[in-house]
Amino acid sequence: STLTSMVPRDSLVLATKAFYAMSGDPNDRGLSRKHLLAS
């Protein structure tokens, strides 16, 4: 939100990651299809 308030989104290369637990749900972690798509 901060970056795109200053420059156009397409001028940025934004990387993010998934794997680590985001809650206590056993399916809310790891590299399963369920977790990756939801993440």
ModelCIF file with pLDDT and N, C-alpha, C, O atoms, coordinates in Angstrom:
data_MODEL
#
_entry.id   MODEL 
#
_entity.id                         1 
_entity.type                       polymer 
_entity.pdbx_number_of_molecules   1 
#
_entity_poly.entity_id                      1 
_entity_poly.type                           'polypeptide(L)' 
_entity_poly.nstd_linkage                   no 
_entity_poly.nstd_monomer                   no 
_entity_poly.pdbx_seq_one_letter_code       STLTSMVPRDSLVLATKAFYAMSGDPNDRGLSRKHLLAS 
_entity_poly.pdbx_seq_one_letter_code_can   STLTSMVPRDSLVLATKAFYAMSGDPNDRGLSRKHLLAS 
_entity_poly.pdbx_strand_id                 A 
#
loop_
_entity_poly_seq.entity_id 
_entity_poly_seq.num 
_entity_poly_seq.mon_id 
_entity_poly_seq.hetero 
1 1  SER n 
1 2  THR n 
1 3  LEU n 
1 4  THR n 
1 5  SER n 
1 6  MET n 
1 7  VAL n 
1 8  PRO n 
1 9  ARG n 
1 10 ASP n 
1 11 SER n 
1 12 LEU n 
1 13 VAL n 
1 14 LEU n 
1 15 ALA n 
1 16 THR n 
1 17 LYS n 
1 18 ALA n 
1 19 PHE n 
1 20 TYR n 
1 21 ALA n 
1 22 MET n 
1 23 SER n 
1 24 GLY n 
1 25 ASP n 
1 26 PRO n 
1 27 ASN n 
1 28 ASP n 
1 29 ARG n 
1 30 GLY n 
1 31 LEU n 
1 32 SER n 
1 33 ARG n 
1 34 LYS n 
1 35 HIS n 
1 36 LEU n 
1 37 LEU n 
1 38 ALA n 
1 39 SER n 
#
_struct_asym.id          A 
_struct_asym.entity_id   1 
#
loop_
_ma_qa_metric.id 
_ma_qa_metric.mode 
_ma_qa_metric.name 
_ma_qa_metric.software_group_id 
_ma_qa_metric.type 
1 global pLDDT . pLDDT 
2 local  pLDDT . pLDDT 
#
_ma_qa_metric_global.metric_id      1 
_ma_qa_metric_global.metric_value   96.85 
_ma_qa_metric_global.model_id       1 
_ma_qa_metric_global.ordinal_id     1 
#
loop_
_ma_qa_metric_local.label_asym_id 
_ma_qa_metric_local.label_comp_id 
_ma_qa_metric_local.label_seq_id 
_ma_qa_metric_local.metric_id 
_ma_qa_metric_local.metric_value 
_ma_qa_metric_local.model_id 
_ma_qa_metric_local.ordinal_id 
A SER 1  2 98.00 1 1  
A THR 2  2 98.00 1 2  
A LEU 3  2 98.00 1 3  
A THR 4  2 98.00 1 4  
A SER 5  2 98.00 1 5  
A MET 6  2 98.00 1 6  
A VAL 7  2 98.00 1 7  
A PRO 8  2 98.00 1 8  
A ARG 9  2 98.00 1 9  
A ASP 10 2 97.00 1 10 
A SER 11 2 98.00 1 11 
A LEU 12 2 98.00 1 12 
A VAL 13 2 98.00 1 13 
A LEU 14 2 98.00 1 14 
A ALA 15 2 98.00 1 15 
A THR 16 2 98.00 1 16 
A LYS 17 2 98.00 1 17 
A ALA 18 2 97.00 1 18 
A PHE 19 2 97.00 1 19 
A TYR 20 2 95.00 1 20 
A ALA 21 2 94.00 1 21 
A MET 22 2 94.00 1 22 
A SER 23 2 92.00 1 23 
A GLY 24 2 91.00 1 24 
A ASP 25 2 94.00 1 25 
A PRO 26 2 94.00 1 26 
A ASN 27 2 96.00 1 27 
A ASP 28 2 95.00 1 28 
A ARG 29 2 95.00 1 29 
A GLY 30 2 96.00 1 30 
A LEU 31 2 98.00 1 31 
A SER 32 2 98.00 1 32 
A ARG 33 2 98.00 1 33 
A LYS 34 2 98.00 1 34 
A HIS 35 2 98.00 1 35 
A LEU 36 2 98.00 1 36 
A LEU 37 2 98.00 1 37 
A ALA 38 2 98.00 1 38 
A SER 39 2 98.00 1 39 
#
loop_
_atom_site.group_PDB 
_atom_site.id 
_atom_site.type_symbol 
_atom_site.label_atom_id 
_atom_site.label_alt_id 
_atom_site.label_comp_id 
_atom_site.label_asym_id 
_atom_site.label_entity_id 
_atom_site.label_seq_id 
_atom_site.pdbx_PDB_ins_code 
_atom_site.Cartn_x 
_atom_site.Cartn_y 
_atom_site.Cartn_z 
_atom_site.occupancy 
_atom_site.B_iso_or_equiv 
_atom_site.pdbx_formal_charge 
_atom_site.auth_seq_id 
_atom_site.auth_comp_id 
_atom_site.auth_asym_id 
_atom_site.auth_atom_id 
_atom_site.pdbx_PDB_model_num 
ATOM 1   N N  . SER A 1 1  ? 0.824  -1.209  0.000   1.00 98.00 ? 1  SER A N  1 
ATOM 2   C CA . SER A 1 1  ? 0.000  0.000   0.000   1.00 98.00 ? 1  SER A CA 1 
ATOM 3   C C  . SER A 1 1  ? 0.857  1.258   0.000   1.00 98.00 ? 1  SER A C  1 
ATOM 4   O O  . SER A 1 1  ? 0.516  2.238   -0.662  1.00 98.00 ? 1  SER A O  1 
ATOM 5   N N  . THR A 1 2  ? 1.965  1.243   0.733   1.00 98.00 ? 2  THR A N  1 
ATOM 6   C CA . THR A 1 2  ? 2.833  2.411   0.782   1.00 98.00 ? 2  THR A CA 1 
ATOM 7   C C  . THR A 1 2  ? 3.516  2.652   -0.559  1.00 98.00 ? 2  THR A C  1 
ATOM 8   O O  . THR A 1 2  ? 3.533  3.777   -1.059  1.00 98.00 ? 2  THR A O  1 
ATOM 9   N N  . LEU A 1 3  ? 4.071  1.608   -1.133  1.00 98.00 ? 3  LEU A N  1 
ATOM 10  C CA . LEU A 1 3  ? 4.776  1.763   -2.406  1.00 98.00 ? 3  LEU A CA 1 
ATOM 11  C C  . LEU A 1 3  ? 3.826  2.200   -3.527  1.00 98.00 ? 3  LEU A C  1 
ATOM 12  O O  . LEU A 1 3  ? 4.156  3.092   -4.310  1.00 98.00 ? 3  LEU A O  1 
ATOM 13  N N  . THR A 1 4  ? 2.665  1.580   -3.601  1.00 98.00 ? 4  THR A N  1 
ATOM 14  C CA . THR A 1 4  ? 1.742  1.908   -4.702  1.00 98.00 ? 4  THR A CA 1 
ATOM 15  C C  . THR A 1 4  ? 1.052  3.249   -4.497  1.00 98.00 ? 4  THR A C  1 
ATOM 16  O O  . THR A 1 4  ? 0.404  3.757   -5.412  1.00 98.00 ? 4  THR A O  1 
ATOM 17  N N  . SER A 1 5  ? 1.185  3.826   -3.311  1.00 98.00 ? 5  SER A N  1 
ATOM 18  C CA . SER A 1 5  ? 0.689  5.191   -3.124  1.00 98.00 ? 5  SER A CA 1 
ATOM 19  C C  . SER A 1 5  ? 1.676  6.213   -3.675  1.00 98.00 ? 5  SER A C  1 
ATOM 20  O O  . SER A 1 5  ? 1.347  7.392   -3.812  1.00 98.00 ? 5  SER A O  1 
ATOM 21  N N  . MET A 1 6  ? 2.881  5.761   -3.987  1.00 98.00 ? 6  MET A N  1 
ATOM 22  C CA . MET A 1 6  ? 3.934  6.657   -4.468  1.00 98.00 ? 6  MET A CA 1 
ATOM 23  C C  . MET A 1 6  ? 4.274  6.461   -5.946  1.00 98.00 ? 6  MET A C  1 
ATOM 24  O O  . MET A 1 6  ? 4.613  7.416   -6.645  1.00 98.00 ? 6  MET A O  1 
ATOM 25  N N  . VAL A 1 7  ? 4.180  5.207   -6.416  1.00 98.00 ? 7  VAL A N  1 
ATOM 26  C CA . VAL A 1 7  ? 4.529  4.903   -7.813  1.00 98.00 ? 7  VAL A CA 1 
ATOM 27  C C  . VAL A 1 7  ? 3.523  3.902   -8.373  1.00 98.00 ? 7  VAL A C  1 
ATOM 28  O O  . VAL A 1 7  ? 2.860  3.212   -7.599  1.00 98.00 ? 7  VAL A O  1 
ATOM 29  N N  . PRO A 1 8  ? 3.391  3.803   -9.702  1.00 98.00 ? 8  PRO A N  1 
ATOM 30  C CA . PRO A 1 8  ? 2.471  2.819   -10.286 1.00 98.00 ? 8  PRO A CA 1 
ATOM 31  C C  . PRO A 1 8  ? 2.865  1.385   -9.935  1.00 98.00 ? 8  PRO A C  1 
ATOM 32  O O  . PRO A 1 8  ? 4.050  1.068   -9.832  1.00 98.00 ? 8  PRO A O  1 
ATOM 33  N N  . ARG A 1 9  ? 1.883  0.538   -9.755  1.00 98.00 ? 9  ARG A N  1 
ATOM 34  C CA . ARG A 1 9  ? 2.135  -0.862  -9.413  1.00 98.00 ? 9  ARG A CA 1 
ATOM 35  C C  . ARG A 1 9  ? 3.039  -1.538  -10.432 1.00 98.00 ? 9  ARG A C  1 
ATOM 36  O O  . ARG A 1 9  ? 3.934  -2.293  -10.052 1.00 98.00 ? 9  ARG A O  1 
ATOM 37  N N  . ASP A 1 10 ? 2.825  -1.284  -11.703 1.00 97.00 ? 10 ASP A N  1 
ATOM 38  C CA . ASP A 1 10 ? 3.580  -2.001  -12.722 1.00 97.00 ? 10 ASP A CA 1 
ATOM 39  C C  . ASP A 1 10 ? 5.048  -1.600  -12.781 1.00 97.00 ? 10 ASP A C  1 
ATOM 40  O O  . ASP A 1 10 ? 5.834  -2.262  -13.459 1.00 97.00 ? 10 ASP A O  1 
ATOM 41  N N  . SER A 1 11 ? 5.435  -0.540  -12.093 1.00 98.00 ? 11 SER A N  1 
ATOM 42  C CA . SER A 1 11 ? 6.846  -0.150  -12.058 1.00 98.00 ? 11 SER A CA 1 
ATOM 43  C C  . SER A 1 11 ? 7.609  -0.887  -10.969 1.00 98.00 ? 11 SER A C  1 
ATOM 44  O O  . SER A 1 11 ? 8.823  -0.731  -10.837 1.00 98.00 ? 11 SER A O  1 
ATOM 45  N N  . LEU A 1 12 ? 6.896  -1.687  -10.192 1.00 98.00 ? 12 LEU A N  1 
ATOM 46  C CA . LEU A 1 12 ? 7.493  -2.412  -9.074  1.00 98.00 ? 12 LEU A CA 1 
ATOM 47  C C  . LEU A 1 12 ? 7.614  -3.903  -9.369  1.00 98.00 ? 12 LEU A C  1 
ATOM 48  O O  . LEU A 1 12 ? 6.819  -4.456  -10.129 1.00 98.00 ? 12 LEU A O  1 
ATOM 49  N N  . VAL A 1 13 ? 8.589  -4.539  -8.779  1.00 98.00 ? 13 VAL A N  1 
ATOM 50  C CA . VAL A 1 13 ? 8.694  -5.998  -8.769  1.00 98.00 ? 13 VAL A CA 1 
ATOM 51  C C  . VAL A 1 13 ? 8.516  -6.420  -7.311  1.00 98.00 ? 13 VAL A C  1 
ATOM 52  O O  . VAL A 1 13 ? 9.403  -6.220  -6.481  1.00 98.00 ? 13 VAL A O  1 
ATOM 53  N N  . LEU A 1 14 ? 7.348  -7.011  -7.014  1.00 98.00 ? 14 LEU A N  1 
ATOM 54  C CA . LEU A 1 14 ? 7.004  -7.379  -5.646  1.00 98.00 ? 14 LEU A CA 1 
ATOM 55  C C  . LEU A 1 14 ? 7.084  -8.897  -5.480  1.00 98.00 ? 14 LEU A C  1 
ATOM 56  O O  . LEU A 1 14 ? 6.437  -9.655  -6.202  1.00 98.00 ? 14 LEU A O  1 
ATOM 57  N N  . ALA A 1 15 ? 7.886  -9.312  -4.520  1.00 98.00 ? 15 ALA A N  1 
ATOM 58  C CA . ALA A 1 15 ? 8.023  -10.735 -4.208  1.00 98.00 ? 15 ALA A CA 1 
ATOM 59  C C  . ALA A 1 15 ? 7.438  -11.003 -2.831  1.00 98.00 ? 15 ALA A C  1 
ATOM 60  O O  . ALA A 1 15 ? 7.597  -10.199 -1.912  1.00 98.00 ? 15 ALA A O  1 
ATOM 61  N N  . THR A 1 16 ? 6.763  -12.132 -2.694  1.00 98.00 ? 16 THR A N  1 
ATOM 62  C CA . THR A 1 16 ? 6.330  -12.572 -1.373  1.00 98.00 ? 16 THR A CA 1 
ATOM 63  C C  . THR A 1 16 ? 6.528  -14.071 -1.273  1.00 98.00 ? 16 THR A C  1 
ATOM 64  O O  . THR A 1 16 ? 6.868  -14.731 -2.255  1.00 98.00 ? 16 THR A O  1 
ATOM 65  N N  . LYS A 1 17 ? 6.312  -14.605 -0.078  1.00 98.00 ? 17 LYS A N  1 
ATOM 66  C CA . LYS A 1 17 ? 6.617  -16.009 0.177   1.00 98.00 ? 17 LYS A CA 1 
ATOM 67  C C  . LYS A 1 17 ? 5.480  -16.688 0.910   1.00 98.00 ? 17 LYS A C  1 
ATOM 68  O O  . LYS A 1 17 ? 4.628  -16.042 1.519   1.00 98.00 ? 17 LYS A O  1 
ATOM 69  N N  . ALA A 1 18 ? 5.492  -18.017 0.835   1.00 97.00 ? 18 ALA A N  1 
ATOM 70  C CA . ALA A 1 18 ? 4.522  -18.838 1.564   1.00 97.00 ? 18 ALA A CA 1 
ATOM 71  C C  . ALA A 1 18 ? 5.216  -20.108 2.026   1.00 97.00 ? 18 ALA A C  1 
ATOM 72  O O  . ALA A 1 18 ? 6.076  -20.646 1.328   1.00 97.00 ? 18 ALA A O  1 
ATOM 73  N N  . PHE A 1 19 ? 4.846  -20.575 3.186   1.00 97.00 ? 19 PHE A N  1 
ATOM 74  C CA . PHE A 1 19 ? 5.249  -21.861 3.751   1.00 97.00 ? 19 PHE A CA 1 
ATOM 75  C C  . PHE A 1 19 ? 4.928  -21.908 5.239   1.00 97.00 ? 19 PHE A C  1 
ATOM 76  O O  . PHE A 1 19 ? 4.249  -22.827 5.698   1.00 97.00 ? 19 PHE A O  1 
ATOM 77  N N  . TYR A 1 20 ? 5.410  -20.923 5.997   1.00 95.00 ? 20 TYR A N  1 
ATOM 78  C CA . TYR A 1 20 ? 5.313  -20.975 7.452   1.00 95.00 ? 20 TYR A CA 1 
ATOM 79  C C  . TYR A 1 20 ? 3.885  -20.802 7.938   1.00 95.00 ? 20 TYR A C  1 
ATOM 80  O O  . TYR A 1 20 ? 3.037  -20.233 7.251   1.00 95.00 ? 20 TYR A O  1 
ATOM 81  N N  . ALA A 1 21 ? 3.638  -21.310 9.146   1.00 94.00 ? 21 ALA A N  1 
ATOM 82  C CA . ALA A 1 21 ? 2.295  -21.305 9.718   1.00 94.00 ? 21 ALA A CA 1 
ATOM 83  C C  . ALA A 1 21 ? 1.775  -19.886 9.887   1.00 94.00 ? 21 ALA A C  1 
ATOM 84  O O  . ALA A 1 21 ? 2.467  -19.007 10.401  1.00 94.00 ? 21 ALA A O  1 
ATOM 85  N N  . MET A 1 22 ? 0.523  -19.680 9.437   1.00 94.00 ? 22 MET A N  1 
ATOM 86  C CA . MET A 1 22 ? -0.141 -18.386 9.586   1.00 94.00 ? 22 MET A CA 1 
ATOM 87  C C  . MET A 1 22 ? -1.208 -18.432 10.668  1.00 94.00 ? 22 MET A C  1 
ATOM 88  O O  . MET A 1 22 ? -1.775 -17.400 11.025  1.00 94.00 ? 22 MET A O  1 
ATOM 89  N N  . SER A 1 23 ? -1.482 -19.610 11.187  1.00 92.00 ? 23 SER A N  1 
ATOM 90  C CA . SER A 1 23 ? -2.453 -19.772 12.271  1.00 92.00 ? 23 SER A CA 1 
ATOM 91  C C  . SER A 1 23 ? -2.232 -21.146 12.888  1.00 92.00 ? 23 SER A C  1 
ATOM 92  O O  . SER A 1 23 ? -1.279 -21.844 12.541  1.00 92.00 ? 23 SER A O  1 
ATOM 93  N N  . GLY A 1 24 ? -3.106 -21.528 13.794  1.00 91.00 ? 24 GLY A N  1 
ATOM 94  C CA . GLY A 1 24 ? -3.005 -22.849 14.406  1.00 91.00 ? 24 GLY A CA 1 
ATOM 95  C C  . GLY A 1 24 ? -3.610 -23.957 13.571  1.00 91.00 ? 24 GLY A C  1 
ATOM 96  O O  . GLY A 1 24 ? -3.509 -25.126 13.942  1.00 91.00 ? 24 GLY A O  1 
ATOM 97  N N  . ASP A 1 25 ? -4.226 -23.629 12.472  1.00 94.00 ? 25 ASP A N  1 
ATOM 98  C CA . ASP A 1 25 ? -4.837 -24.620 11.579  1.00 94.00 ? 25 ASP A CA 1 
ATOM 99  C C  . ASP A 1 25 ? -3.731 -25.466 10.935  1.00 94.00 ? 25 ASP A C  1 
ATOM 100 O O  . ASP A 1 25 ? -2.819 -24.901 10.330  1.00 94.00 ? 25 ASP A O  1 
ATOM 101 N N  . PRO A 1 26 ? -3.781 -26.792 11.044  1.00 94.00 ? 26 PRO A N  1 
ATOM 102 C CA . PRO A 1 26 ? -2.730 -27.632 10.467  1.00 94.00 ? 26 PRO A CA 1 
ATOM 103 C C  . PRO A 1 26 ? -2.616 -27.535 8.951   1.00 94.00 ? 26 PRO A C  1 
ATOM 104 O O  . PRO A 1 26 ? -1.583 -27.892 8.386   1.00 94.00 ? 26 PRO A O  1 
ATOM 105 N N  . ASN A 1 27 ? -3.676 -27.050 8.281   1.00 96.00 ? 27 ASN A N  1 
ATOM 106 C CA . ASN A 1 27 ? -3.612 -26.861 6.835   1.00 96.00 ? 27 ASN A CA 1 
ATOM 107 C C  . ASN A 1 27 ? -3.173 -25.461 6.441   1.00 96.00 ? 27 ASN A C  1 
ATOM 108 O O  . ASN A 1 27 ? -3.083 -25.152 5.253   1.00 96.00 ? 27 ASN A O  1 
ATOM 109 N N  . ASP A 1 28 ? -2.898 -24.606 7.433   1.00 95.00 ? 28 ASP A N  1 
ATOM 110 C CA . ASP A 1 28 ? -2.498 -23.228 7.156   1.00 95.00 ? 28 ASP A CA 1 
ATOM 111 C C  . ASP A 1 28 ? -0.986 -23.079 7.238   1.00 95.00 ? 28 ASP A C  1 
ATOM 112 O O  . ASP A 1 28 ? -0.464 -22.134 7.829   1.00 95.00 ? 28 ASP A O  1 
ATOM 113 N N  . ARG A 1 29 ? -0.303 -24.034 6.632   1.00 95.00 ? 29 ARG A N  1 
ATOM 114 C CA . ARG A 1 29 ? 1.158  -24.052 6.612   1.00 95.00 ? 29 ARG A CA 1 
ATOM 115 C C  . ARG A 1 29 ? 1.626  -25.049 5.563   1.00 95.00 ? 29 ARG A C  1 
ATOM 116 O O  . ARG A 1 29 ? 0.833  -25.843 5.057   1.00 95.00 ? 29 ARG A O  1 
ATOM 117 N N  . GLY A 1 30 ? 2.915  -25.007 5.235   1.00 96.00 ? 30 GLY A N  1 
ATOM 118 C CA . GLY A 1 30 ? 3.484  -25.987 4.315   1.00 96.00 ? 30 GLY A CA 1 
ATOM 119 C C  . GLY A 1 30 ? 3.272  -25.635 2.852   1.00 96.00 ? 30 GLY A C  1 
ATOM 120 O O  . GLY A 1 30 ? 2.911  -24.510 2.508   1.00 96.00 ? 30 GLY A O  1 
ATOM 121 N N  . LEU A 1 31 ? 3.510  -26.640 1.991   1.00 98.00 ? 31 LEU A N  1 
ATOM 122 C CA . LEU A 1 31 ? 3.445  -26.435 0.548   1.00 98.00 ? 31 LEU A CA 1 
ATOM 123 C C  . LEU A 1 31 ? 2.390  -27.316 -0.109  1.00 98.00 ? 31 LEU A C  1 
ATOM 124 O O  . LEU A 1 31 ? 2.538  -27.718 -1.263  1.00 98.00 ? 31 LEU A O  1 
ATOM 125 N N  . SER A 1 32 ? 1.330  -27.611 0.629   1.00 98.00 ? 32 SER A N  1 
ATOM 126 C CA . SER A 1 32 ? 0.226  -28.358 0.026   1.00 98.00 ? 32 SER A CA 1 
ATOM 127 C C  . SER A 1 32 ? -0.502 -27.475 -0.982  1.00 98.00 ? 32 SER A C  1 
ATOM 128 O O  . SER A 1 32 ? -0.386 -26.250 -0.945  1.00 98.00 ? 32 SER A O  1 
ATOM 129 N N  . ARG A 1 33 ? -1.247 -28.104 -1.877  1.00 98.00 ? 33 ARG A N  1 
ATOM 130 C CA . ARG A 1 33 ? -2.043 -27.341 -2.841  1.00 98.00 ? 33 ARG A CA 1 
ATOM 131 C C  . ARG A 1 33 ? -3.017 -26.419 -2.095  1.00 98.00 ? 33 ARG A C  1 
ATOM 132 O O  . ARG A 1 33 ? -3.175 -25.252 -2.454  1.00 98.00 ? 33 ARG A O  1 
ATOM 133 N N  . LYS A 1 34 ? -3.659 -26.949 -1.068  1.00 98.00 ? 34 LYS A N  1 
ATOM 134 C CA . LYS A 1 34 ? -4.632 -26.163 -0.311  1.00 98.00 ? 34 LYS A CA 1 
ATOM 135 C C  . LYS A 1 34 ? -4.001 -24.905 0.273   1.00 98.00 ? 34 LYS A C  1 
ATOM 136 O O  . LYS A 1 34 ? -4.547 -23.808 0.150   1.00 98.00 ? 34 LYS A O  1 
ATOM 137 N N  . HIS A 1 35 ? -2.838 -25.078 0.916   1.00 98.00 ? 35 HIS A N  1 
ATOM 138 C CA . HIS A 1 35 ? -2.225 -23.915 1.561   1.00 98.00 ? 35 HIS A CA 1 
ATOM 139 C C  . HIS A 1 35 ? -1.675 -22.922 0.554   1.00 98.00 ? 35 HIS A C  1 
ATOM 140 O O  . HIS A 1 35 ? -1.811 -21.715 0.756   1.00 98.00 ? 35 HIS A O  1 
ATOM 141 N N  . LEU A 1 36 ? -1.059 -23.391 -0.524  1.00 98.00 ? 36 LEU A N  1 
ATOM 142 C CA . LEU A 1 36 ? -0.480 -22.477 -1.499  1.00 98.00 ? 36 LEU A CA 1 
ATOM 143 C C  . LEU A 1 36 ? -1.550 -21.625 -2.178  1.00 98.00 ? 36 LEU A C  1 
ATOM 144 O O  . LEU A 1 36 ? -1.392 -20.412 -2.312  1.00 98.00 ? 36 LEU A O  1 
ATOM 145 N N  . LEU A 1 37 ? -2.633 -22.263 -2.603  1.00 98.00 ? 37 LEU A N  1 
ATOM 146 C CA . LEU A 1 37 ? -3.675 -21.495 -3.289  1.00 98.00 ? 37 LEU A CA 1 
ATOM 147 C C  . LEU A 1 37 ? -4.338 -20.495 -2.337  1.00 98.00 ? 37 LEU A C  1 
ATOM 148 O O  . LEU A 1 37 ? -4.605 -19.354 -2.714  1.00 98.00 ? 37 LEU A O  1 
ATOM 149 N N  . ALA A 1 38 ? -4.601 -20.934 -1.104  1.00 98.00 ? 38 ALA A N  1 
ATOM 150 C CA . ALA A 1 38 ? -5.207 -20.032 -0.132  1.00 98.00 ? 38 ALA A CA 1 
ATOM 151 C C  . ALA A 1 38 ? -4.239 -18.908 0.237   1.00 98.00 ? 38 ALA A C  1 
ATOM 152 O O  . ALA A 1 38 ? -4.663 -17.765 0.413   1.00 98.00 ? 38 ALA A O  1 
ATOM 153 N N  . SER A 1 39 ? -2.956 -19.214 0.355   1.00 98.00 ? 39 SER A N  1 
ATOM 154 C CA . SER A 1 39 ? -1.964 -18.209 0.733   1.00 98.00 ? 39 SER A CA 1 
ATOM 155 C C  . SER A 1 39 ? -1.850 -17.118 -0.317  1.00 98.00 ? 39 SER A C  1 
ATOM 156 O O  . SER A 1 39 ? -1.058 -16.189 -0.159  1.00 98.00 ? 39 SER A O  1 
#
